[in-house]
Amino acid sequence: CGVDQLAARTTQFLRDHGFDVVEVGDHSSFDVTHSQVIDRVGDLESAKKVAAVLNIPEEHVTQDIRRDYYLDASIIIGHDYNRLEPFD
């Protein structure tokens, strides 16, 4: 969403909760309203666990299988970041 240090704080929060964060980068747009978790391997339940830890509502968990990404899920932090667990 274009706010400095959100990705770094989210990364540390997830690592503190046992998740392996392999890459951090900018999304193609800073116009994302709602934070979301995208399942990349067909394991929707694991993506929902990530969302639950961050306090992202389940309706913002989707699937877009991309096995060539070599990761389980992607997280996009939206303009609602202030209600997420690391920033609450």
Protein backbone atom coordinates (compact mmCIF):
# COMPACT_ATOMS: atom_id res chain seq x y z
CA CYS A 1 0.00 0.00 0.00
CA GLY A 2 3.04 2.23 -0.23
CA VAL A 3 3.76 2.73 3.49
CA ASP A 4 7.40 2.34 4.54
CA GLN A 5 8.40 -0.60 6.73
CA LEU A 6 5.05 -2.47 6.59
CA ALA A 7 6.58 -5.41 4.76
CA ALA A 8 9.54 -5.57 7.15
CA ARG A 9 7.28 -5.50 10.21
CA THR A 10 4.98 -8.13 8.71
CA THR A 11 7.95 -10.32 7.82
CA GLN A 12 9.29 -10.19 11.38
CA PHE A 13 5.84 -10.84 12.83
CA LEU A 14 5.34 -13.91 10.63
CA ARG A 15 8.82 -15.25 11.41
CA ASP A 16 8.15 -14.78 15.12
CA HIS A 17 5.05 -16.95 14.60
CA GLY A 18 6.94 -19.76 12.86
CA PHE A 19 6.39 -18.89 9.21
CA ASP A 20 9.23 -18.95 6.69
CA VAL A 21 9.22 -15.71 4.69
CA VAL A 22 11.30 -16.21 1.56
CA GLU A 23 10.86 -12.97 -0.35
CA VAL A 24 9.62 -9.44 0.23
CA GLY A 25 8.79 -7.00 -2.53
CA ASP A 26 6.37 -4.43 -3.84
CA HIS A 27 3.06 -5.35 -5.42
CA SER A 28 2.34 -4.03 -8.90
CA SER A 29 -0.06 -1.45 -7.44
CA PHE A 30 -0.47 0.50 -4.21
CA ASP A 31 -4.24 0.71 -4.76
CA VAL A 32 -5.17 -2.48 -2.87
CA THR A 33 -7.96 -1.70 -0.41
CA HIS A 34 -8.08 -4.98 1.56
CA SER A 35 -5.10 -7.07 2.60
CA GLN A 36 -5.19 -10.56 1.17
CA VAL A 37 -3.50 -13.94 1.18
CA ILE A 38 -3.16 -15.85 -2.08
CA ASP A 39 -2.67 -19.62 -2.02
CA ARG A 40 -0.04 -20.55 -4.64
CA VAL A 41 0.14 -24.36 -4.26
CA GLY A 42 -3.41 -25.59 -3.75
CA ASP A 43 -3.32 -25.67 0.04
CA LEU A 44 -6.10 -23.27 0.92
CA GLU A 45 -6.14 -24.32 4.59
CA SER A 46 -2.52 -23.26 5.06
CA ALA A 47 -3.24 -19.92 3.41
CA LYS A 48 -6.16 -19.47 5.80
CA LYS A 49 -3.80 -20.10 8.75
CA VAL A 50 -1.53 -17.30 7.55
CA ALA A 51 -4.56 -15.02 7.19
CA ALA A 52 -5.79 -15.89 10.68
CA VAL A 53 -2.44 -15.03 12.28
CA LEU A 54 -2.49 -11.66 10.54
CA ASN A 55 -6.19 -11.06 11.25
CA ILE A 56 -7.07 -11.01 7.54
CA PRO A 57 -10.69 -12.13 7.07
CA GLU A 58 -11.16 -15.50 5.40
CA GLU A 59 -13.10 -13.91 2.53
CA HIS A 60 -9.81 -12.26 1.51
CA VAL A 61 -8.05 -15.59 1.00
CA THR A 62 -7.98 -16.70 -2.63
CA GLN A 63 -6.22 -19.21 -4.85
CA ASP A 64 -4.00 -18.50 -7.81
CA ILE A 65 -1.84 -21.59 -8.27
CA ARG A 66 1.68 -20.67 -9.39
CA ARG A 67 3.97 -23.58 -8.63
CA ASP A 68 6.78 -21.85 -10.52
CA TYR A 69 6.84 -19.19 -7.74
CA TYR A 70 8.30 -21.81 -5.32
CA LEU A 71 6.30 -20.54 -2.37
CA ASP A 72 3.10 -21.53 -0.61
CA ALA A 73 1.33 -18.20 -0.37
CA SER A 74 1.61 -14.52 -1.19
CA ILE A 75 0.47 -11.74 1.12
CA ILE A 76 -0.59 -8.37 -0.19
CA ILE A 77 -0.88 -5.65 2.43
CA GLY A 78 -3.69 -3.24 1.65
CA HIS A 79 -4.80 0.12 2.94
CA ASP A 80 -6.52 -1.68 5.83
CA TYR A 81 -3.10 -2.57 7.29
CA ASN A 82 -3.79 -0.75 10.56
CA ARG A 83 -6.27 -3.48 11.58
CA LEU A 84 -3.79 -6.30 10.93
CA GLU A 85 -2.23 -8.01 13.92
CA PRO A 86 1.33 -6.62 13.53
CA PHE A 87 0.00 -3.04 13.47
CA ASP A 88 -3.02 -3.27 15.77
